[in-house]
Amino acid sequence: MQGIEKSIINNVILRKYHLSKDSKIDYILQITEDLCGLHATGTIEPYIQLFVRMNHFIKEDLDTEPYIHKTLGRIRGMRKTLFILAKELMEIVHPIV
């Protein structure tokens, strides 16, 4: 079995999570979907997560997505942890009975 270099694996992971310089994008919805949600138990955590993954992050952009565009929502997940998720993922985390 042939091994894979650590640097290649690290680059793939950094790109997947939008943490490398060339994988940063300016689409909050896409980042949220790719991460399967933003951890939002603390008030500043989702802003920090987006700040490191976006080229031009503006705080107000996260505020408009759930309330104006209605593409994101806040939901309690496992162990009462608060997440910001895309609407499509909300039913997976908290199915409607």
C-alpha atoms as a PDB file:
ATOM      1  CA  MET A   1       0.000   0.000   0.000  1.00  0.00           C
ATOM      2  CA  GLN A   2       1.362   3.369  -1.002  1.00  0.00           C
ATOM      3  CA  GLY A   3       1.251   6.149   1.593  1.00  0.00           C
ATOM      4  CA  ILE A   4       0.021   9.674   1.065  1.00  0.00           C
ATOM      5  CA  GLU A   5       2.164  12.584   2.149  1.00  0.00           C
ATOM      6  CA  LYS A   6       0.958  14.527   5.184  1.00  0.00           C
ATOM      7  CA  SER A   7       1.226  17.825   3.341  1.00  0.00           C
ATOM      8  CA  ILE A   8      -1.227  16.620   0.688  1.00  0.00           C
ATOM      9  CA  ILE A   9      -3.714  15.481   3.324  1.00  0.00           C
ATOM     10  CA  ASN A  10      -3.358  18.773   5.215  1.00  0.00           C
ATOM     11  CA  ASN A  11      -3.972  20.774   2.028  1.00  0.00           C
ATOM     12  CA  VAL A  12      -7.114  18.787   1.223  1.00  0.00           C
ATOM     13  CA  ILE A  13      -8.499  19.325   4.725  1.00  0.00           C
ATOM     14  CA  LEU A  14      -7.651  23.038   4.732  1.00  0.00           C
ATOM     15  CA  ARG A  15      -9.358  23.494   1.341  1.00  0.00           C
ATOM     16  CA  LYS A  16     -12.415  21.489   2.371  1.00  0.00           C
ATOM     17  CA  TYR A  17     -12.991  23.714   5.403  1.00  0.00           C
ATOM     18  CA  HIS A  18     -12.146  26.963   3.518  1.00  0.00           C
ATOM     19  CA  LEU A  19      -9.073  27.625   5.644  1.00  0.00           C
ATOM     20  CA  SER A  20      -6.440  27.898   2.929  1.00  0.00           C
ATOM     21  CA  LYS A  21      -5.802  31.210   1.188  1.00  0.00           C
ATOM     22  CA  ASP A  22      -7.104  30.002  -2.192  1.00  0.00           C
ATOM     23  CA  SER A  23     -10.245  28.314  -0.822  1.00  0.00           C
ATOM     24  CA  LYS A  24     -11.714  31.333   0.958  1.00  0.00           C
ATOM     25  CA  ILE A  25     -15.054  32.419  -0.497  1.00  0.00           C
ATOM     26  CA  ASP A  26     -17.530  35.186   0.240  1.00  0.00           C
ATOM     27  CA  TYR A  27     -20.711  33.090   0.407  1.00  0.00           C
ATOM     28  CA  ILE A  28     -21.938  32.541   3.956  1.00  0.00           C
ATOM     29  CA  LEU A  29     -24.535  29.967   2.912  1.00  0.00           C
ATOM     30  CA  GLN A  30     -21.965  27.871   1.045  1.00  0.00           C
ATOM     31  CA  ILE A  31     -19.528  27.937   3.959  1.00  0.00           C
ATOM     32  CA  THR A  32     -22.296  26.982   6.393  1.00  0.00           C
ATOM     33  CA  GLU A  33     -23.371  24.071   4.189  1.00  0.00           C
ATOM     34  CA  ASP A  34     -19.792  22.863   3.685  1.00  0.00           C
ATOM     35  CA  LEU A  35     -19.177  22.889   7.444  1.00  0.00           C
ATOM     36  CA  CYS A  36     -22.587  21.305   8.179  1.00  0.00           C
ATOM     37  CA  GLY A  37     -23.415  24.308  10.326  1.00  0.00           C
ATOM     38  CA  LEU A  38     -21.687  26.917  12.426  1.00  0.00           C
ATOM     39  CA  HIS A  39     -21.221  26.374  16.141  1.00  0.00           C
ATOM     40  CA  ALA A  40     -23.118  29.221  17.782  1.00  0.00           C
ATOM     41  CA  THR A  41     -23.393  28.536  21.505  1.00  0.00           C
ATOM     42  CA  GLY A  42     -21.299  31.636  22.189  1.00  0.00           C
ATOM     43  CA  THR A  43     -22.351  34.897  20.580  1.00  0.00           C
ATOM     44  CA  ILE A  44     -19.026  35.609  18.828  1.00  0.00           C
ATOM     45  CA  GLU A  45     -18.173  32.080  17.618  1.00  0.00           C
ATOM     46  CA  PRO A  46     -20.010  32.115  14.259  1.00  0.00           C
ATOM     47  CA  TYR A  47     -18.495  35.495  13.392  1.00  0.00           C
ATOM     48  CA  ILE A  48     -14.976  34.200  14.053  1.00  0.00           C
ATOM     49  CA  GLN A  49     -15.654  31.053  12.012  1.00  0.00           C
ATOM     50  CA  LEU A  50     -16.735  33.163   9.040  1.00  0.00           C
ATOM     51  CA  PHE A  51     -13.990  35.771   9.478  1.00  0.00           C
ATOM     52  CA  VAL A  52     -11.234  33.170   8.981  1.00  0.00           C
ATOM     53  CA  ARG A  53     -13.010  31.562   5.995  1.00  0.00           C
ATOM     54  CA  MET A  54     -14.053  34.630   3.980  1.00  0.00           C
ATOM     55  CA  ASN A  55     -12.092  37.157   1.923  1.00  0.00           C
ATOM     56  CA  HIS A  56     -14.298  40.122   2.796  1.00  0.00           C
ATOM     57  CA  PHE A  57     -16.269  39.390   5.948  1.00  0.00           C
ATOM     58  CA  ILE A  58     -18.711  42.011   7.165  1.00  0.00           C
ATOM     59  CA  LYS A  59     -20.451  41.363  10.488  1.00  0.00           C
ATOM     60  CA  GLU A  60     -23.825  42.515   9.187  1.00  0.00           C
ATOM     61  CA  ASP A  61     -23.773  39.846   6.436  1.00  0.00           C
ATOM     62  CA  LEU A  62     -24.324  37.088   8.994  1.00  0.00           C
ATOM     63  CA  ASP A  63     -27.110  39.096  10.572  1.00  0.00           C
ATOM     64  CA  THR A  64     -29.005  39.453   7.268  1.00  0.00           C
ATOM     65  CA  GLU A  65     -28.854  35.794   6.165  1.00  0.00           C
ATOM     66  CA  PRO A  66     -31.300  34.356   8.730  1.00  0.00           C
ATOM     67  CA  TYR A  67     -33.598  37.371   8.998  1.00  0.00           C
ATOM     68  CA  ILE A  68     -33.708  38.962   5.526  1.00  0.00           C
ATOM     69  CA  HIS A  69     -32.777  36.157   3.109  1.00  0.00           C
ATOM     70  CA  LYS A  70     -34.115  33.413   5.408  1.00  0.00           C
ATOM     71  CA  THR A  71     -31.489  30.916   4.234  1.00  0.00           C
ATOM     72  CA  LEU A  72     -30.071  30.155   7.692  1.00  0.00           C
ATOM     73  CA  GLY A  73     -31.585  29.475  11.065  1.00  0.00           C
ATOM     74  CA  ARG A  74     -30.531  28.809  14.637  1.00  0.00           C
ATOM     75  CA  ILE A  75     -31.361  25.452  16.151  1.00  0.00           C
ATOM     76  CA  ARG A  76     -30.452  23.478  19.247  1.00  0.00           C
ATOM     77  CA  GLY A  77     -28.655  20.260  18.444  1.00  0.00           C
ATOM     78  CA  MET A  78     -27.228  17.472  20.533  1.00  0.00           C
ATOM     79  CA  ARG A  79     -26.515  18.323  24.175  1.00  0.00           C
ATOM     80  CA  LYS A  80     -28.406  21.628  23.765  1.00  0.00           C
ATOM     81  CA  THR A  81     -25.627  23.084  21.630  1.00  0.00           C
ATOM     82  CA  LEU A  82     -26.770  25.984  19.442  1.00  0.00           C
ATOM     83  CA  PHE A  83     -25.968  25.823  15.715  1.00  0.00           C
ATOM     84  CA  ILE A  84     -26.576  28.016  12.698  1.00  0.00           C
ATOM     85  CA  LEU A  85     -27.650  25.774   9.840  1.00  0.00           C
ATOM     86  CA  ALA A  86     -28.913  26.040   6.289  1.00  0.00           C
ATOM     87  CA  LYS A  87     -32.669  25.502   6.120  1.00  0.00           C
ATOM     88  CA  GLU A  88     -32.203  22.173   4.298  1.00  0.00           C
ATOM     89  CA  LEU A  89     -30.087  20.766   7.131  1.00  0.00           C
ATOM     90  CA  MET A  90     -32.414  21.846   9.928  1.00  0.00           C
ATOM     91  CA  GLU A  91     -34.792  18.908   9.462  1.00  0.00           C
ATOM     92  CA  ILE A  92     -31.899  16.463   9.700  1.00  0.00           C
ATOM     93  CA  VAL A  93     -30.733  17.874  13.039  1.00  0.00           C
ATOM     94  CA  HIS A  94     -34.209  18.328  14.463  1.00  0.00           C
ATOM     95  CA  PRO A  95     -36.781  16.277  12.517  1.00  0.00           C
ATOM     96  CA  ILE A  96     -40.382  17.446  12.693  1.00  0.00           C
ATOM     97  CA  VAL A  97     -42.514  14.732  14.254  1.00  0.00           C
END
